[in-house]
Amino acid sequence: MWAIVVAPIVETFLGQHLPILLARVLGARTAIQFAAGSLPFAVLHFDVGAGGIAAGLTGGFILTLAYLTFVPQSKTKAFWITAAIHSLFNVVGTAMLVSELP
């Protein structure tokens, strides 16, 4: 339940929402905003080994792209769509792990 509900909300807040909003307030260009949202998310996953690094880099890229796509419409919309995408990704990963249990 943690990986599907709580983690996506917390990680979206810490990994995309706060860093990107801070970069926007400081007047940073989109490329800097993108780095600000991708890198913290990636770093949060580096402790899980090669799979975590790959998931962190890929997830950081995809989730930051989603956030930056929707933030011009609404910060709230950007936050919840990004968290939902993260949650769906975790549902698939959890289902794959559970399906391999004896």
PDB file of N, CA and C in Angstrom:
ATOM      1  N   MET A   1       0.814  -1.194   0.000  1.00  0.00           N
ATOM      2  CA  MET A   1       0.000   0.000   0.000  1.00  0.00           C
ATOM      3  C   MET A   1       0.861   1.264   0.000  1.00  0.00           C
ATOM      4  N   TRP A   2       1.984   1.217   0.733  1.00  0.00           N
ATOM      5  CA  TRP A   2       2.888   2.356   0.804  1.00  0.00           C
ATOM      6  C   TRP A   2       3.365   2.742  -0.597  1.00  0.00           C
ATOM      7  N   ALA A   3       3.817   1.769  -1.376  1.00  0.00           N
ATOM      8  CA  ALA A   3       4.393   2.037  -2.699  1.00  0.00           C
ATOM      9  C   ALA A   3       3.353   2.539  -3.697  1.00  0.00           C
ATOM     10  N   ILE A   4       2.097   2.238  -3.453  1.00  0.00           N
ATOM     11  CA  ILE A   4       1.053   2.592  -4.415  1.00  0.00           C
ATOM     12  C   ILE A   4       0.347   3.897  -4.063  1.00  0.00           C
ATOM     13  N   VAL A   5       0.225   4.209  -2.775  1.00  0.00           N
ATOM     14  CA  VAL A   5      -0.532   5.397  -2.379  1.00  0.00           C
ATOM     15  C   VAL A   5       0.371   6.480  -1.775  1.00  0.00           C
ATOM     16  N   VAL A   6       1.093   6.149  -0.736  1.00  0.00           N
ATOM     17  CA  VAL A   6       1.834   7.168   0.025  1.00  0.00           C
ATOM     18  C   VAL A   6       3.108   7.612  -0.693  1.00  0.00           C
ATOM     19  N   ALA A   7       3.926   6.665  -1.130  1.00  0.00           N
ATOM     20  CA  ALA A   7       5.208   7.012  -1.762  1.00  0.00           C
ATOM     21  C   ALA A   7       5.039   7.929  -2.971  1.00  0.00           C
ATOM     22  N   PRO A   8       4.092   7.662  -3.879  1.00  0.00           N
ATOM     23  CA  PRO A   8       3.952   8.573  -5.012  1.00  0.00           C
ATOM     24  C   PRO A   8       3.611  10.006  -4.605  1.00  0.00           C
ATOM     25  N   ILE A   9       2.799  10.163  -3.581  1.00  0.00           N
ATOM     26  CA  ILE A   9       2.434  11.507  -3.127  1.00  0.00           C
ATOM     27  C   ILE A   9       3.638  12.202  -2.498  1.00  0.00           C
ATOM     28  N   VAL A  10       4.326  11.502  -1.595  1.00  0.00           N
ATOM     29  CA  VAL A  10       5.487  12.081  -0.916  1.00  0.00           C
ATOM     30  C   VAL A  10       6.606  12.376  -1.916  1.00  0.00           C
ATOM     31  N   GLU A  11       6.886  11.427  -2.808  1.00  0.00           N
ATOM     32  CA  GLU A  11       7.981  11.610  -3.753  1.00  0.00           C
ATOM     33  C   GLU A  11       7.665  12.665  -4.809  1.00  0.00           C
ATOM     34  N   THR A  12       6.404  12.791  -5.199  1.00  0.00           N
ATOM     35  CA  THR A  12       6.027  13.854  -6.130  1.00  0.00           C
ATOM     36  C   THR A  12       6.217  15.215  -5.464  1.00  0.00           C
ATOM     37  N   PHE A  13       5.846  15.307  -4.200  1.00  0.00           N
ATOM     38  CA  PHE A  13       6.006  16.561  -3.471  1.00  0.00           C
ATOM     39  C   PHE A  13       7.485  16.929  -3.337  1.00  0.00           C
ATOM     40  N   LEU A  14       8.306  15.958  -2.901  1.00  0.00           N
ATOM     41  CA  LEU A  14       9.724  16.225  -2.659  1.00  0.00           C
ATOM     42  C   LEU A  14      10.565  16.220  -3.940  1.00  0.00           C
ATOM     43  N   GLY A  15      10.171  15.385  -4.905  1.00  0.00           N
ATOM     44  CA  GLY A  15      10.988  15.209  -6.103  1.00  0.00           C
ATOM     45  C   GLY A  15      10.661  16.142  -7.244  1.00  0.00           C
ATOM     46  N   GLN A  16       9.391  16.508  -7.389  1.00  0.00           N
ATOM     47  CA  GLN A  16       9.022  17.394  -8.484  1.00  0.00           C
ATOM     48  C   GLN A  16       8.451  18.720  -7.993  1.00  0.00           C
ATOM     49  N   HIS A  17       7.420  18.662  -7.187  1.00  0.00           N
ATOM     50  CA  HIS A  17       6.688  19.866  -6.803  1.00  0.00           C
ATOM     51  C   HIS A  17       7.597  20.945  -6.188  1.00  0.00           C
ATOM     52  N   LEU A  18       8.225  20.634  -5.074  1.00  0.00           N
ATOM     53  CA  LEU A  18       9.051  21.637  -4.393  1.00  0.00           C
ATOM     54  C   LEU A  18      10.235  22.114  -5.237  1.00  0.00           C
ATOM     55  N   PRO A  19      11.040  21.206  -5.793  1.00  0.00           N
ATOM     56  CA  PRO A  19      12.196  21.695  -6.559  1.00  0.00           C
ATOM     57  C   PRO A  19      11.807  22.517  -7.788  1.00  0.00           C
ATOM     58  N   ILE A  20      10.776  22.094  -8.503  1.00  0.00           N
ATOM     59  CA  ILE A  20      10.381  22.823  -9.708  1.00  0.00           C
ATOM     60  C   ILE A  20       9.778  24.179  -9.338  1.00  0.00           C
ATOM     61  N   LEU A  21       8.934  24.206  -8.314  1.00  0.00           N
ATOM     62  CA  LEU A  21       8.363  25.494  -7.910  1.00  0.00           C
ATOM     63  C   LEU A  21       9.443  26.461  -7.437  1.00  0.00           C
ATOM     64  N   LEU A  22      10.424  25.957  -6.712  1.00  0.00           N
ATOM     65  CA  LEU A  22      11.533  26.808  -6.279  1.00  0.00           C
ATOM     66  C   LEU A  22      12.289  27.343  -7.493  1.00  0.00           C
ATOM     67  N   ALA A  23      12.568  26.473  -8.454  1.00  0.00           N
ATOM     68  CA  ALA A  23      13.262  26.906  -9.667  1.00  0.00           C
ATOM     69  C   ALA A  23      12.435  27.943 -10.426  1.00  0.00           C
ATOM     70  N   ARG A  24      11.121  27.750 -10.484  1.00  0.00           N
ATOM     71  CA  ARG A  24      10.253  28.714 -11.185  1.00  0.00           C
ATOM     72  C   ARG A  24      10.238  30.064 -10.472  1.00  0.00           C
ATOM     73  N   VAL A  25      10.177  30.031  -9.137  1.00  0.00           N
ATOM     74  CA  VAL A  25      10.184  31.278  -8.361  1.00  0.00           C
ATOM     75  C   VAL A  25      11.482  32.035  -8.590  1.00  0.00           C
ATOM     76  N   LEU A  26      12.581  31.300  -8.738  1.00  0.00           N
ATOM     77  CA  LEU A  26      13.882  31.931  -8.971  1.00  0.00           C
ATOM     78  C   LEU A  26      14.086  32.340 -10.424  1.00  0.00           C
ATOM     79  N   GLY A  27      13.092  32.057 -11.263  1.00  0.00           N
ATOM     80  CA  GLY A  27      13.165  32.470 -12.660  1.00  0.00           C
ATOM     81  C   GLY A  27      14.006  31.566 -13.549  1.00  0.00           C
ATOM     82  N   ALA A  28      14.210  30.331 -13.108  1.00  0.00           N
ATOM     83  CA  ALA A  28      15.046  29.399 -13.874  1.00  0.00           C
ATOM     84  C   ALA A  28      14.382  29.004 -15.189  1.00  0.00           C
ATOM     85  N   ARG A  29      15.223  28.785 -16.192  1.00  0.00           N
ATOM     86  CA  ARG A  29      14.738  28.308 -17.482  1.00  0.00           C
ATOM     87  C   ARG A  29      14.171  26.901 -17.332  1.00  0.00           C
ATOM     88  N   THR A  30      13.444  26.465 -18.351  1.00  0.00           N
ATOM     89  CA  THR A  30      12.806  25.149 -18.320  1.00  0.00           C
ATOM     90  C   THR A  30      13.821  24.027 -18.137  1.00  0.00           C
ATOM     91  N   ALA A  31      14.974  24.120 -18.763  1.00  0.00           N
ATOM     92  CA  ALA A  31      15.989  23.072 -18.628  1.00  0.00           C
ATOM     93  C   ALA A  31      16.454  22.924 -17.179  1.00  0.00           C
ATOM     94  N   ILE A  32      16.584  24.033 -16.485  1.00  0.00           N
ATOM     95  CA  ILE A  32      16.977  23.991 -15.069  1.00  0.00           C
ATOM     96  C   ILE A  32      15.840  23.427 -14.233  1.00  0.00           C
ATOM     97  N   GLN A  33      14.612  23.820 -14.545  1.00  0.00           N
ATOM     98  CA  GLN A  33      13.454  23.259 -13.849  1.00  0.00           C
ATOM     99  C   GLN A  33      13.406  21.745 -14.046  1.00  0.00           C
ATOM    100  N   PHE A  34      13.712  21.316 -15.259  1.00  0.00           N
ATOM    101  CA  PHE A  34      13.700  19.886 -15.566  1.00  0.00           C
ATOM    102  C   PHE A  34      14.743  19.151 -14.725  1.00  0.00           C
ATOM    103  N   ALA A  35      15.942  19.692 -14.648  1.00  0.00           N
ATOM    104  CA  ALA A  35      16.994  19.085 -13.826  1.00  0.00           C
ATOM    105  C   ALA A  35      16.603  19.099 -12.351  1.00  0.00           C
ATOM    106  N   ALA A  36      15.999  20.200 -11.919  1.00  0.00           N
ATOM    107  CA  ALA A  36      15.593  20.324 -10.516  1.00  0.00           C
ATOM    108  C   ALA A  36      14.550  19.276 -10.137  1.00  0.00           C
ATOM    109  N   GLY A  37      13.701  18.874 -11.071  1.00  0.00           N
ATOM    110  CA  GLY A  37      12.681  17.870 -10.786  1.00  0.00           C
ATOM    111  C   GLY A  37      13.136  16.450 -11.021  1.00  0.00           C
ATOM    112  N   SER A  38      14.102  16.254 -11.899  1.00  0.00           N
ATOM    113  CA  SER A  38      14.555  14.901 -12.233  1.00  0.00           C
ATOM    114  C   SER A  38      15.588  14.360 -11.255  1.00  0.00           C
ATOM    115  N   LEU A  39      16.556  15.178 -10.899  1.00  0.00           N
ATOM    116  CA  LEU A  39      17.670  14.701 -10.088  1.00  0.00           C
ATOM    117  C   LEU A  39      17.288  14.268  -8.674  1.00  0.00           C
ATOM    118  N   PRO A  40      16.490  15.040  -7.932  1.00  0.00           N
ATOM    119  CA  PRO A  40      16.137  14.579  -6.579  1.00  0.00           C
ATOM    120  C   PRO A  40      15.390  13.243  -6.603  1.00  0.00           C
ATOM    121  N   PHE A  41      14.493  13.085  -7.571  1.00  0.00           N
ATOM    122  CA  PHE A  41      13.747  11.828  -7.676  1.00  0.00           C
ATOM    123  C   PHE A  41      14.706  10.672  -7.959  1.00  0.00           C
ATOM    124  N   ALA A  42      15.630  10.876  -8.887  1.00  0.00           N
ATOM    125  CA  ALA A  42      16.591   9.828  -9.222  1.00  0.00           C
ATOM    126  C   ALA A  42      17.428   9.449  -8.002  1.00  0.00           C
ATOM    127  N   VAL A  43      17.921  10.452  -7.293  1.00  0.00           N
ATOM    128  CA  VAL A  43      18.777  10.202  -6.134  1.00  0.00           C
ATOM    129  C   VAL A  43      18.033   9.416  -5.048  1.00  0.00           C
ATOM    130  N   LEU A  44      16.737   9.665  -4.883  1.00  0.00           N
ATOM    131  CA  LEU A  44      15.945   8.929  -3.889  1.00  0.00           C
ATOM    132  C   LEU A  44      15.922   7.427  -4.165  1.00  0.00           C
ATOM    133  N   HIS A  45      16.217   7.016  -5.403  1.00  0.00           N
ATOM    134  CA  HIS A  45      16.123   5.609  -5.774  1.00  0.00           C
ATOM    135  C   HIS A  45      17.481   4.936  -5.966  1.00  0.00           C
ATOM    136  N   PHE A  46      18.569   5.645  -5.798  1.00  0.00           N
ATOM    137  CA  PHE A  46      19.893   5.093  -6.043  1.00  0.00           C
ATOM    138  C   PHE A  46      20.296   4.004  -5.056  1.00  0.00           C
ATOM    139  N   ASP A  47      19.711   3.970  -3.872  1.00  0.00           N
ATOM    140  CA  ASP A  47      20.103   2.992  -2.860  1.00  0.00           C
ATOM    141  C   ASP A  47      19.568   1.590  -3.136  1.00  0.00           C
ATOM    142  N   VAL A  48      18.806   1.402  -4.187  1.00  0.00           N
ATOM    143  CA  VAL A  48      18.186   0.106  -4.481  1.00  0.00           C
ATOM    144  C   VAL A  48      19.000  -0.682  -5.515  1.00  0.00           C
ATOM    145  N   GLY A  49      20.185  -0.210  -5.857  1.00  0.00           N
ATOM    146  CA  GLY A  49      21.022  -0.909  -6.823  1.00  0.00           C
ATOM    147  C   GLY A  49      20.761  -0.446  -8.243  1.00  0.00           C
ATOM    148  N   ALA A  50      21.231  -1.243  -9.196  1.00  0.00           N
ATOM    149  CA  ALA A  50      21.140  -0.878 -10.612  1.00  0.00           C
ATOM    150  C   ALA A  50      19.688  -0.670 -11.043  1.00  0.00           C
ATOM    151  N   GLY A  51      18.794  -1.520 -10.584  1.00  0.00           N
ATOM    152  CA  GLY A  51      17.373  -1.364 -10.918  1.00  0.00           C
ATOM    153  C   GLY A  51      16.814  -0.067 -10.384  1.00  0.00           C
ATOM    154  N   GLY A  52      17.226   0.299  -9.191  1.00  0.00           N
ATOM    155  CA  GLY A  52      16.777   1.551  -8.592  1.00  0.00           C
ATOM    156  C   GLY A  52      17.329   2.760  -9.327  1.00  0.00           C
ATOM    157  N   ILE A  53      18.570   2.660  -9.750  1.00  0.00           N
ATOM    158  CA  ILE A  53      19.173   3.761 -10.511  1.00  0.00           C
ATOM    159  C   ILE A  53      18.432   3.943 -11.830  1.00  0.00           C
ATOM    160  N   ALA A  54      18.190   2.828 -12.527  1.00  0.00           N
ATOM    161  CA  ALA A  54      17.463   2.902 -13.801  1.00  0.00           C
ATOM    162  C   ALA A  54      16.055   3.447 -13.602  1.00  0.00           C
ATOM    163  N   ALA A  55      15.369   2.949 -12.573  1.00  0.00           N
ATOM    164  CA  ALA A  55      14.010   3.421 -12.292  1.00  0.00           C
ATOM    165  C   ALA A  55      14.027   4.885 -11.877  1.00  0.00           C
ATOM    166  N   GLY A  56      15.013   5.287 -11.100  1.00  0.00           N
ATOM    167  CA  GLY A  56      15.103   6.677 -10.658  1.00  0.00           C
ATOM    168  C   GLY A  56      15.347   7.636 -11.800  1.00  0.00           C
ATOM    169  N   LEU A  57      16.273   7.284 -12.678  1.00  0.00           N
ATOM    170  CA  LEU A  57      16.565   8.150 -13.818  1.00  0.00           C
ATOM    171  C   LEU A  57      15.388   8.214 -14.789  1.00  0.00           C
ATOM    172  N   THR A  58      14.847   7.041 -15.130  1.00  0.00           N
ATOM    173  CA  THR A  58      13.715   6.992 -16.060  1.00  0.00           C
ATOM    174  C   THR A  58      12.485   7.633 -15.439  1.00  0.00           C
ATOM    175  N   GLY A  59      12.190   7.251 -14.208  1.00  0.00           N
ATOM    176  CA  GLY A  59      11.032   7.821 -13.523  1.00  0.00           C
ATOM    177  C   GLY A  59      11.160   9.319 -13.336  1.00  0.00           C
ATOM    178  N   GLY A  60      12.341   9.768 -12.948  1.00  0.00           N
ATOM    179  CA  GLY A  60      12.562  11.207 -12.778  1.00  0.00           C
ATOM    180  C   GLY A  60      12.310  11.964 -14.073  1.00  0.00           C
ATOM    181  N   PHE A  61      12.780  11.403 -15.173  1.00  0.00           N
ATOM    182  CA  PHE A  61      12.582  12.027 -16.477  1.00  0.00           C
ATOM    183  C   PHE A  61      11.100  12.099 -16.834  1.00  0.00           C
ATOM    184  N   ILE A  62      10.414  10.965 -16.744  1.00  0.00           N
ATOM    185  CA  ILE A  62       9.002  10.887 -17.142  1.00  0.00           C
ATOM    186  C   ILE A  62       8.117  11.727 -16.221  1.00  0.00           C
ATOM    187  N   LEU A  63       8.318  11.607 -14.919  1.00  0.00           N
ATOM    188  CA  LEU A  63       7.468  12.330 -13.981  1.00  0.00           C
ATOM    189  C   LEU A  63       7.699  13.841 -14.038  1.00  0.00           C
ATOM    190  N   THR A  64       8.932  14.248 -14.246  1.00  0.00           N
ATOM    191  CA  THR A  64       9.205  15.676 -14.379  1.00  0.00           C
ATOM    192  C   THR A  64       8.614  16.216 -15.673  1.00  0.00           C
ATOM    193  N   LEU A  65       8.694  15.439 -16.730  1.00  0.00           N
ATOM    194  CA  LEU A  65       8.077  15.840 -17.998  1.00  0.00           C
ATOM    195  C   LEU A  65       6.571  16.024 -17.807  1.00  0.00           C
ATOM    196  N   ALA A  66       5.940  15.096 -17.099  1.00  0.00           N
ATOM    197  CA  ALA A  66       4.497  15.214 -16.835  1.00  0.00           C
ATOM    198  C   ALA A  66       4.201  16.470 -16.019  1.00  0.00           C
ATOM    199  N   TYR A  67       4.969  16.685 -14.962  1.00  0.00           N
ATOM    200  CA  TYR A  67       4.735  17.847 -14.102  1.00  0.00           C
ATOM    201  C   TYR A  67       4.875  19.145 -14.900  1.00  0.00           C
ATOM    202  N   LEU A  68       5.957  19.255 -15.659  1.00  0.00           N
ATOM    203  CA  LEU A  68       6.191  20.483 -16.425  1.00  0.00           C
ATOM    204  C   LEU A  68       5.159  20.679 -17.532  1.00  0.00           C
ATOM    205  N   THR A  69       4.589  19.590 -18.024  1.00  0.00           N
ATOM    206  CA  THR A  69       3.550  19.694 -19.048  1.00  0.00           C
ATOM    207  C   THR A  69       2.277  20.321 -18.484  1.00  0.00           C
ATOM    208  N   PHE A  70       1.928  19.953 -17.249  1.00  0.00           N
ATOM    209  CA  PHE A  70       0.652  20.404 -16.686  1.00  0.00           C
ATOM    210  C   PHE A  70       0.741  21.611 -15.767  1.00  0.00           C
ATOM    211  N   VAL A  71       1.925  21.985 -15.313  1.00  0.00           N
ATOM    212  CA  VAL A  71       2.034  23.104 -14.376  1.00  0.00           C
ATOM    213  C   VAL A  71       1.560  24.431 -14.962  1.00  0.00           C
ATOM    214  N   PRO A  72       1.680  24.684 -16.277  1.00  0.00           N
ATOM    215  CA  PRO A  72       1.123  25.949 -16.780  1.00  0.00           C
ATOM    216  C   PRO A  72      -0.401  26.032 -16.616  1.00  0.00           C
ATOM    217  N   GLN A  73      -1.072  24.885 -16.600  1.00  0.00           N
ATOM    218  CA  GLN A  73      -2.523  24.875 -16.401  1.00  0.00           C
ATOM    219  C   GLN A  73      -2.875  25.055 -14.933  1.00  0.00           C
ATOM    220  N   SER A  74      -2.154  24.317 -14.072  1.00  0.00           N
ATOM    221  CA  SER A  74      -2.455  24.363 -12.645  1.00  0.00           C
ATOM    222  C   SER A  74      -1.394  23.570 -11.877  1.00  0.00           C
ATOM    223  N   LYS A  75      -0.878  24.152 -10.787  1.00  0.00           N
ATOM    224  CA  LYS A  75       0.084  23.416  -9.947  1.00  0.00           C
ATOM    225  C   LYS A  75      -0.575  22.196  -9.318  1.00  0.00           C
ATOM    226  N   THR A  76      -1.843  22.351  -8.934  1.00  0.00           N
ATOM    227  CA  THR A  76      -2.572  21.230  -8.333  1.00  0.00           C
ATOM    228  C   THR A  76      -2.752  20.098  -9.338  1.00  0.00           C
ATOM    229  N   LYS A  77      -3.149  20.452 -10.540  1.00  0.00           N
ATOM    230  CA  LYS A  77      -3.330  19.448 -11.591  1.00  0.00           C
ATOM    231  C   LYS A  77      -1.999  18.757 -11.892  1.00  0.00           C
ATOM    232  N   ALA A  78      -0.937  19.536 -12.016  1.00  0.00           N
ATOM    233  CA  ALA A  78       0.389  18.968 -12.285  1.00  0.00           C
ATOM    234  C   ALA A  78       0.789  17.996 -11.189  1.00  0.00           C
ATOM    235  N   PHE A  79       0.544  18.380  -9.929  1.00  0.00           N
ATOM    236  CA  PHE A  79       0.909  17.522  -8.801  1.00  0.00           C
ATOM    237  C   PHE A  79       0.154  16.206  -8.848  1.00  0.00           C
ATOM    238  N   TRP A  80      -1.165  16.250  -8.977  1.00  0.00           N
ATOM    239  CA  TRP A  80      -1.968  15.033  -8.890  1.00  0.00           C
ATOM    240  C   TRP A  80      -1.827  14.133 -10.113  1.00  0.00           C
ATOM    241  N   ILE A  81      -1.659  14.704 -11.280  1.00  0.00           N
ATOM    242  CA  ILE A  81      -1.431  13.862 -12.459  1.00  0.00           C
ATOM    243  C   ILE A  81      -0.077  13.164 -12.342  1.00  0.00           C
ATOM    244  N   THR A  82       0.932  13.880 -11.889  1.00  0.00           N
ATOM    245  CA  THR A  82       2.254  13.286 -11.717  1.00  0.00           C
ATOM    246  C   THR A  82       2.217  12.186 -10.660  1.00  0.00           C
ATOM    247  N   ALA A  83       1.555  12.438  -9.545  1.00  0.00           N
ATOM    248  CA  ALA A  83       1.436  11.410  -8.498  1.00  0.00           C
ATOM    249  C   ALA A  83       0.661  10.200  -9.004  1.00  0.00           C
ATOM    250  N   ALA A  84      -0.371  10.415  -9.813  1.00  0.00           N
ATOM    251  CA  ALA A  84      -1.159   9.301 -10.353  1.00  0.00           C
ATOM    252  C   ALA A  84      -0.326   8.452 -11.314  1.00  0.00           C
ATOM    253  N   ILE A  85       0.456   9.094 -12.162  1.00  0.00           N
ATOM    254  CA  ILE A  85       1.331   8.343 -13.070  1.00  0.00           C
ATOM    255  C   ILE A  85       2.318   7.505 -12.271  1.00  0.00           C
ATOM    256  N   HIS A  86       2.899   8.094 -11.247  1.00  0.00           N
ATOM    257  CA  HIS A  86       3.839   7.386 -10.377  1.00  0.00           C
ATOM    258  C   HIS A  86       3.150   6.198  -9.711  1.00  0.00           C
ATOM    259  N   SER A  87       1.957   6.421  -9.215  1.00  0.00           N
ATOM    260  CA  SER A  87       1.201   5.357  -8.569  1.00  0.00           C
ATOM    261  C   SER A  87       0.906   4.208  -9.531  1.00  0.00           C
ATOM    262  N   LEU A  88       0.481   4.530 -10.735  1.00  0.00           N
ATOM    263  CA  LEU A  88       0.202   3.480 -11.726  1.00  0.00           C
ATOM    264  C   LEU A  88       1.458   2.690 -12.071  1.00  0.00           C
ATOM    265  N   PHE A  89       2.577   3.376 -12.193  1.00  0.00           N
ATOM    266  CA  PHE A  89       3.844   2.694 -12.435  1.00  0.00           C
ATOM    267  C   PHE A  89       4.139   1.718 -11.292  1.00  0.00           C
ATOM    268  N   ASN A  90       3.922   2.155 -10.060  1.00  0.00           N
ATOM    269  CA  ASN A  90       4.174   1.294  -8.906  1.00  0.00           C
ATOM    270  C   ASN A  90       3.187   0.132  -8.825  1.00  0.00           C
ATOM    271  N   VAL A  91       1.952   0.327  -9.287  1.00  0.00           N
ATOM    272  CA  VAL A  91       0.976  -0.767  -9.328  1.00  0.00           C
ATOM    273  C   VAL A  91       1.491  -1.871 -10.246  1.00  0.00           C
ATOM    274  N   VAL A  92       1.979  -1.474 -11.416  1.00  0.00           N
ATOM    275  CA  VAL A  92       2.493  -2.459 -12.374  1.00  0.00           C
ATOM    276  C   VAL A  92       3.692  -3.197 -11.782  1.00  0.00           C
ATOM    277  N   GLY A  93       4.624  -2.464 -11.204  1.00  0.00           N
ATOM    278  CA  GLY A  93       5.791  -3.098 -10.587  1.00  0.00           C
ATOM    279  C   GLY A  93       5.421  -4.034  -9.454  1.00  0.00           C
ATOM    280  N   THR A  94       4.487  -3.620  -8.624  1.00  0.00           N
ATOM    281  CA  THR A  94       4.035  -4.466  -7.510  1.00  0.00           C
ATOM    282  C   THR A  94       3.344  -5.713  -8.039  1.00  0.00           C
ATOM    283  N   ALA A  95       2.512  -5.565  -9.046  1.00  0.00           N
ATOM    284  CA  ALA A  95       1.818  -6.720  -9.632  1.00  0.00           C
ATOM    285  C   ALA A  95       2.818  -7.713 -10.214  1.00  0.00           C
ATOM    286  N   MET A  96       3.871  -7.217 -10.840  1.00  0.00           N
ATOM    287  CA  MET A  96       4.884  -8.109 -11.395  1.00  0.00           C
ATOM    288  C   MET A  96       5.611  -8.869 -10.296  1.00  0.00           C
ATOM    289  N   LEU A  97       5.926  -8.194  -9.203  1.00  0.00           N
ATOM    290  CA  LEU A  97       6.583  -8.855  -8.086  1.00  0.00           C
ATOM    291  C   LEU A  97       5.687  -9.898  -7.441  1.00  0.00           C
ATOM    292  N   VAL A  98       4.431  -9.537  -7.226  1.00  0.00           N
ATOM    293  CA  VAL A  98       3.478 -10.449  -6.571  1.00  0.00           C
ATOM    294  C   VAL A  98       3.212 -11.668  -7.441  1.00  0.00           C
ATOM    295  N   SER A  99       3.154 -11.476  -8.751  1.00  0.00           N
ATOM    296  CA  SER A  99       2.861 -12.596  -9.648  1.00  0.00           C
ATOM    297  C   SER A  99       3.981 -13.635  -9.660  1.00  0.00           C
ATOM    298  N   GLU A 100       5.168 -13.252  -9.246  1.00  0.00           N
ATOM    299  CA  GLU A 100       6.295 -14.189  -9.223  1.00  0.00           C
ATOM    300  C   GLU A 100       6.457 -14.894  -7.887  1.00  0.00           C
ATOM    301  N   LEU A 101       5.632 -14.548  -6.902  1.00  0.00           N
ATOM    302  CA  LEU A 101       5.698 -15.222  -5.607  1.00  0.00           C
ATOM    303  C   LEU A 101       5.159 -16.640  -5.745  1.00  0.00           C
ATOM    304  N   PRO A 102       5.747 -17.559  -4.995  1.00  0.00           N
ATOM    305  CA  PRO A 102       5.265 -18.962  -5.077  1.00  0.00           C
ATOM    306  C   PRO A 102       3.870 -19.119  -4.507  1.00  0.00           C
TER     307      PRO A 102
END
